[in-house]
């Protein structure tokens, strides 16, 4: 399978670019897409290194957005990572993530839920475009705390989720903006893992059709036979591409039982992504 949904340490994954290429090479995967959350920082490196291994890389990104109270992720494929509008949008989102992260973390410290120097987290993430919540635990581990990355689900449930801010309500980007910017950057906009927003999935996708939605992530670990048929039918009815991927976040942070290449597409040329 050609896996079109992979994350690295440049967003909320754990793998380096070298780790991802090694896995793809070992599994004889001919093409992959790095789709880090709200950043393209790893695209240049993975494209150059993958070329040496005869692996094709589709430049990708997964853009966060909010509509009707739903956090919606929009995958962008074959994008021009130098496009100004794209980078301005990613900077806007990255700054919002950093701002809300600091508010979140300040609450945790004030209420004695977490006791760790915020500056150490910021320093640990200086190679990234924005901070992700798992970076709290990653920085603590780097400083010698008695945790492993496999402790993240318990760490999140027992500590991180105690904060209830206004992250969704104040989010600065709507999915229609994400779709339009992806298209401006020469890419194809694909609705990521639609089942994650529940029964409003088709409704939200219909709203994006006039803005240029180009595809649906049909083949995904959470999608059972019924959901596959639902999304395949919607894609066919609206002339949308059908993509897929594992949503890989590394061995320790991928909480569903998959490996790179378990989900995806068989022939990338049929998707017009190359």
Protein backbone atom coordinates (compact mmCIF):
# COMPACT_ATOMS: atom_id res chain seq x y z
CA UNK A 1 0.00 0.00 0.00
CA UNK A 2 1.04 3.60 -0.68
CA UNK A 3 0.55 5.30 2.69
CA UNK A 4 -0.70 8.88 2.30
CA UNK A 5 -1.02 9.79 5.99
CA UNK A 6 2.21 9.81 8.00
CA UNK A 7 3.40 12.08 10.83
CA UNK A 8 6.93 12.76 12.04
CA UNK A 9 8.55 14.45 15.02
CA UNK A 10 7.97 17.79 13.24
CA UNK A 11 4.34 17.65 14.48
CA UNK A 12 2.98 15.14 17.01
CA UNK A 13 4.75 11.99 15.83
CA UNK A 14 7.88 10.36 17.25
CA UNK A 15 9.75 9.22 14.14
CA UNK A 16 12.56 11.09 12.49
CA UNK A 17 12.59 11.43 8.71
CA UNK A 18 15.24 8.70 8.58
CA UNK A 19 13.00 6.39 10.63
CA UNK A 20 10.11 6.82 8.19
CA UNK A 21 12.26 6.23 5.11
CA UNK A 22 13.76 3.12 6.71
CA UNK A 23 10.31 1.64 7.33
CA UNK A 24 9.15 2.45 3.80
CA UNK A 25 12.29 0.89 2.33
CA UNK A 26 12.00 -2.27 4.44
CA UNK A 27 8.37 -2.70 3.38
CA UNK A 28 9.07 -1.92 -0.29
CA UNK A 29 6.60 0.97 -0.32
CA UNK A 30 7.15 2.86 -3.61
CA UNK A 31 5.60 6.17 -2.50
CA UNK A 32 4.55 7.91 0.70
CA UNK A 33 3.25 11.26 1.86
CA UNK A 34 4.44 13.13 4.93
CA UNK A 35 1.37 14.96 6.26
CA UNK A 36 2.48 16.62 9.47
CA UNK A 37 -0.02 18.76 11.35
CA UNK A 38 0.09 22.39 10.25
CA UNK A 39 3.70 22.38 9.08
CA UNK A 40 5.79 21.52 6.04
CA UNK A 41 9.12 21.59 7.89
CA UNK A 42 9.99 17.97 7.08
CA UNK A 43 9.06 17.94 3.39
CA UNK A 44 12.37 19.09 1.92
CA UNK A 45 14.38 16.63 3.99
CA UNK A 46 12.19 13.61 3.33
CA UNK A 47 11.95 14.35 -0.39
CA UNK A 48 15.72 14.57 -0.80
CA UNK A 49 16.49 11.50 1.32
CA UNK A 50 13.71 9.36 -0.14
CA UNK A 51 14.94 10.07 -3.66
CA UNK A 52 18.20 8.29 -2.82
CA UNK A 53 16.13 5.20 -1.95
CA UNK A 54 13.94 5.43 -5.07
CA UNK A 55 10.90 6.30 -2.94
CA UNK A 56 8.52 8.94 -4.26
CA UNK A 57 7.27 11.55 -1.80
CA UNK A 58 4.00 13.40 -2.33
CA UNK A 59 4.43 16.75 -0.52
CA UNK A 60 1.65 16.90 2.05
CA UNK A 61 0.25 18.65 5.09
CA UNK A 62 -2.68 18.17 7.48
CA UNK A 63 -4.32 21.50 8.25
CA UNK A 64 -6.41 22.00 11.39
CA UNK A 65 -9.71 23.87 11.13
CA UNK A 66 -13.05 24.17 12.92
CA UNK A 67 -16.63 24.15 11.63
CA UNK A 68 -19.82 23.97 13.70
CA UNK A 69 -17.92 22.90 16.79
CA UNK A 70 -16.01 20.14 14.99
CA UNK A 71 -12.23 20.00 14.75
CA UNK A 72 -11.75 19.08 11.10
CA UNK A 73 -8.44 18.11 9.54
CA UNK A 74 -7.87 18.84 5.88
CA UNK A 75 -5.13 16.94 4.07
CA UNK A 76 -3.33 18.78 1.29
CA UNK A 77 -1.44 16.75 -1.33
CA UNK A 78 1.09 17.77 -3.97
CA UNK A 79 1.35 21.24 -2.50
CA UNK A 80 3.94 23.88 -3.27
CA UNK A 81 5.51 24.26 0.17
CA UNK A 82 6.92 27.66 -0.82
CA UNK A 83 3.48 29.11 -1.50
CA UNK A 84 3.08 32.32 0.53
CA UNK A 85 -0.62 31.90 1.31
CA UNK A 86 -0.04 28.37 2.56
CA UNK A 87 2.83 29.40 4.81
CA UNK A 88 0.91 32.40 6.15
CA UNK A 89 -1.98 30.11 7.08
CA UNK A 90 0.34 27.61 8.77
CA UNK A 91 2.01 30.44 10.71
CA UNK A 92 -1.39 31.69 11.87
CA UNK A 93 -2.33 28.22 13.11
CA UNK A 94 1.10 27.63 14.66
CA UNK A 95 0.92 30.89 16.62
CA UNK A 96 -2.57 30.00 17.82
CA UNK A 97 -1.39 26.58 18.97
CA UNK A 98 1.50 28.13 20.88
CA UNK A 99 -0.74 30.75 22.49
CA UNK A 100 -3.36 28.21 23.60
CA UNK A 101 -0.66 25.74 24.68
CA UNK A 102 0.79 28.31 27.07
CA UNK A 103 -2.68 29.05 28.49
CA UNK A 104 -3.31 25.33 28.88
CA UNK A 105 0.04 24.71 30.54
CA UNK A 106 -0.30 27.69 32.87
CA UNK A 107 -3.57 26.24 34.13
CA UNK A 108 -1.96 22.85 34.78
CA UNK A 109 0.91 24.42 36.74
CA UNK A 110 -1.35 26.81 38.68
CA UNK A 111 -3.54 23.92 39.79
CA UNK A 112 -0.57 21.70 40.72
CA UNK A 113 -1.43 19.14 38.03
CA UNK A 114 1.95 19.42 36.30
CA UNK A 115 5.20 20.71 37.78
CA UNK A 116 7.70 21.29 35.00
CA UNK A 117 9.44 24.35 33.59
CA UNK A 118 7.58 25.67 30.53
CA UNK A 119 10.80 27.13 29.12
CA UNK A 120 12.24 23.63 28.91
CA UNK A 121 9.32 22.53 26.74
CA UNK A 122 9.68 25.56 24.47
CA UNK A 123 13.43 24.93 24.16
CA UNK A 124 12.82 21.25 23.41
CA UNK A 125 10.48 22.17 20.54
CA UNK A 126 12.61 24.89 18.96
CA UNK A 127 13.01 22.78 15.78
CA UNK A 128 9.23 22.75 15.23
CA UNK A 129 6.72 25.21 13.83
CA UNK A 130 4.28 24.79 16.74
CA UNK A 131 3.96 22.97 20.05
CA UNK A 132 1.83 19.84 20.44
CA UNK A 133 0.49 18.56 23.75
CA UNK A 134 2.60 15.36 23.66
CA UNK A 135 5.66 17.64 23.71
CA UNK A 136 5.02 18.09 27.44
CA UNK A 137 5.79 14.44 28.08
CA UNK A 138 8.55 14.28 25.46
CA UNK A 139 10.39 17.19 27.13
CA UNK A 140 9.96 15.66 30.58
CA UNK A 141 11.37 12.35 29.35
CA UNK A 142 14.30 14.19 27.76
CA UNK A 143 14.97 15.76 31.17
CA UNK A 144 15.02 12.36 32.88
CA UNK A 145 11.43 12.01 34.11
CA UNK A 146 10.44 8.34 34.79
CA UNK A 147 8.06 8.02 31.84
CA UNK A 148 8.05 6.50 28.37
CA UNK A 149 6.03 7.60 25.37
CA UNK A 150 3.69 4.66 25.94
CA UNK A 151 2.55 6.50 29.09
CA UNK A 152 1.05 9.30 26.99
CA UNK A 153 -2.60 8.07 26.97
CA UNK A 154 -2.64 7.73 30.77
CA UNK A 155 -0.70 10.98 31.20
CA UNK A 156 -3.20 12.78 29.00
CA UNK A 157 -6.28 11.34 30.70
CA UNK A 158 -5.01 11.89 34.24
CA UNK A 159 -3.49 15.34 33.77
CA UNK A 160 -3.74 17.15 30.44
CA UNK A 161 -7.47 16.91 29.78
CA UNK A 162 -8.40 18.59 33.06
CA UNK A 163 -8.19 21.94 31.28
CA UNK A 164 -11.31 23.04 29.41
CA UNK A 165 -10.48 26.18 27.49
CA UNK A 166 -11.93 27.78 24.36
CA UNK A 167 -9.62 26.18 21.81
CA UNK A 168 -12.43 25.12 19.47
CA UNK A 169 -14.59 28.22 19.87
CA UNK A 170 -11.79 30.65 19.02
CA UNK A 171 -9.99 28.62 16.37
CA UNK A 172 -9.00 31.04 13.55
CA UNK A 173 -9.43 28.81 10.48
CA UNK A 174 -12.54 27.34 8.81
CA UNK A 175 -12.23 24.20 6.60
CA UNK A 176 -13.27 26.22 3.54
CA UNK A 177 -10.21 28.45 4.03
CA UNK A 178 -7.97 25.40 4.32
CA UNK A 179 -9.40 23.93 1.12
CA UNK A 180 -8.97 27.16 -0.81
CA UNK A 181 -5.40 27.72 0.38
CA UNK A 182 -4.43 24.15 -0.51
CA UNK A 183 -5.79 24.76 -4.00
CA UNK A 184 -3.93 28.08 -4.23
CA UNK A 185 -0.78 26.13 -3.40
CA UNK A 186 -1.46 23.85 -6.39
CA UNK A 187 -2.62 20.96 -4.25
CA UNK A 188 -5.58 18.63 -3.79
CA UNK A 189 -7.66 19.08 -0.62
CA UNK A 190 -8.83 15.87 1.03
CA UNK A 191 -11.19 15.55 4.01
CA UNK A 192 -9.28 13.54 6.63
CA UNK A 193 -10.83 10.65 8.63
CA UNK A 194 -14.44 11.91 8.30
CA UNK A 195 -15.88 9.36 10.73
CA UNK A 196 -14.14 11.15 13.57
CA UNK A 197 -16.72 13.92 13.55
CA UNK A 198 -19.66 11.53 13.74
CA UNK A 199 -22.98 11.92 11.96
CA UNK A 200 -22.16 15.38 10.60
CA UNK A 201 -19.50 13.93 8.28
CA UNK A 202 -21.41 14.15 4.99
CA UNK A 203 -22.96 17.48 5.93
CA UNK A 204 -19.56 19.07 6.53
CA UNK A 205 -18.15 17.61 3.33
CA UNK A 206 -21.07 18.94 1.29
CA UNK A 207 -20.34 22.42 2.62
CA UNK A 208 -16.84 22.20 1.16
CA UNK A 209 -17.73 21.04 -2.34
CA UNK A 210 -18.26 24.60 -3.69
CA UNK A 211 -14.85 25.58 -2.30
CA UNK A 212 -13.02 22.87 -4.22
CA UNK A 213 -12.86 19.83 -1.97
CA UNK A 214 -10.98 17.27 -4.03
CA UNK A 215 -11.15 14.03 -2.08
CA UNK A 216 -12.01 11.96 0.97
CA UNK A 217 -9.75 9.83 3.11
CA UNK A 218 -11.80 6.68 2.60
CA UNK A 219 -9.31 3.97 3.59
CA UNK A 220 -8.51 4.53 7.24
CA UNK A 221 -8.04 2.28 10.32
CA UNK A 222 -11.32 3.41 11.97
CA UNK A 223 -13.47 2.87 8.89
CA UNK A 224 -15.39 -0.41 8.92
CA UNK A 225 -17.22 -1.89 5.91
CA UNK A 226 -20.29 0.28 6.42
CA UNK A 227 -18.24 3.47 6.58
CA UNK A 228 -16.17 2.45 3.55
CA UNK A 229 -19.34 2.04 1.51
CA UNK A 230 -20.67 5.36 2.82
CA UNK A 231 -17.58 7.30 1.78
CA UNK A 232 -16.98 5.44 -1.47
CA UNK A 233 -20.55 6.27 -2.54
CA UNK A 234 -20.20 9.94 -1.57
CA UNK A 235 -16.87 10.20 -3.40
CA UNK A 236 -18.29 8.62 -6.55
CA UNK A 237 -21.40 10.81 -6.46
CA UNK A 238 -19.33 13.99 -6.18
CA UNK A 239 -16.36 13.04 -8.37
CA UNK A 240 -13.91 13.06 -5.46
CA UNK A 241 -10.62 11.21 -5.10
CA UNK A 242 -10.48 8.32 -2.62
CA UNK A 243 -7.29 8.37 -0.57
CA UNK A 244 -6.10 6.47 2.48
CA UNK A 245 -3.39 6.05 5.07
CA UNK A 246 -2.52 4.81 8.52
CA UNK A 247 -2.31 8.16 10.33
CA UNK A 248 1.02 6.92 11.65
CA UNK A 249 2.47 8.76 14.68
CA UNK A 250 5.31 6.40 15.51
CA UNK A 251 5.37 3.04 17.26
CA UNK A 252 4.61 4.43 20.71
CA UNK A 253 2.09 7.15 19.88
CA UNK A 254 0.04 5.32 17.23
CA UNK A 255 -2.68 3.94 19.49
CA UNK A 256 -4.43 1.92 16.75
CA UNK A 257 -2.96 -1.42 15.67
CA UNK A 258 -1.33 -0.50 12.35
CA UNK A 259 2.05 -0.03 10.75
CA UNK A 260 3.06 2.22 7.87
CA UNK A 261 1.63 0.76 4.68
CA UNK A 262 -1.27 -1.16 6.26
CA UNK A 263 -3.74 1.37 4.83
CA UNK A 264 -3.47 3.49 1.73
CA UNK A 265 -3.96 3.24 -2.02
CA UNK A 266 -2.59 0.76 -4.54
CA UNK A 267 -1.94 3.02 -7.50
CA UNK A 268 -1.04 6.62 -6.80
CA UNK A 269 -1.13 7.59 -10.49
CA UNK A 270 -4.87 6.98 -10.55
CA UNK A 271 -5.23 9.72 -7.94
CA UNK A 272 -3.63 12.35 -10.17
CA UNK A 273 -1.36 13.26 -7.26
CA UNK A 274 1.79 12.98 -9.37
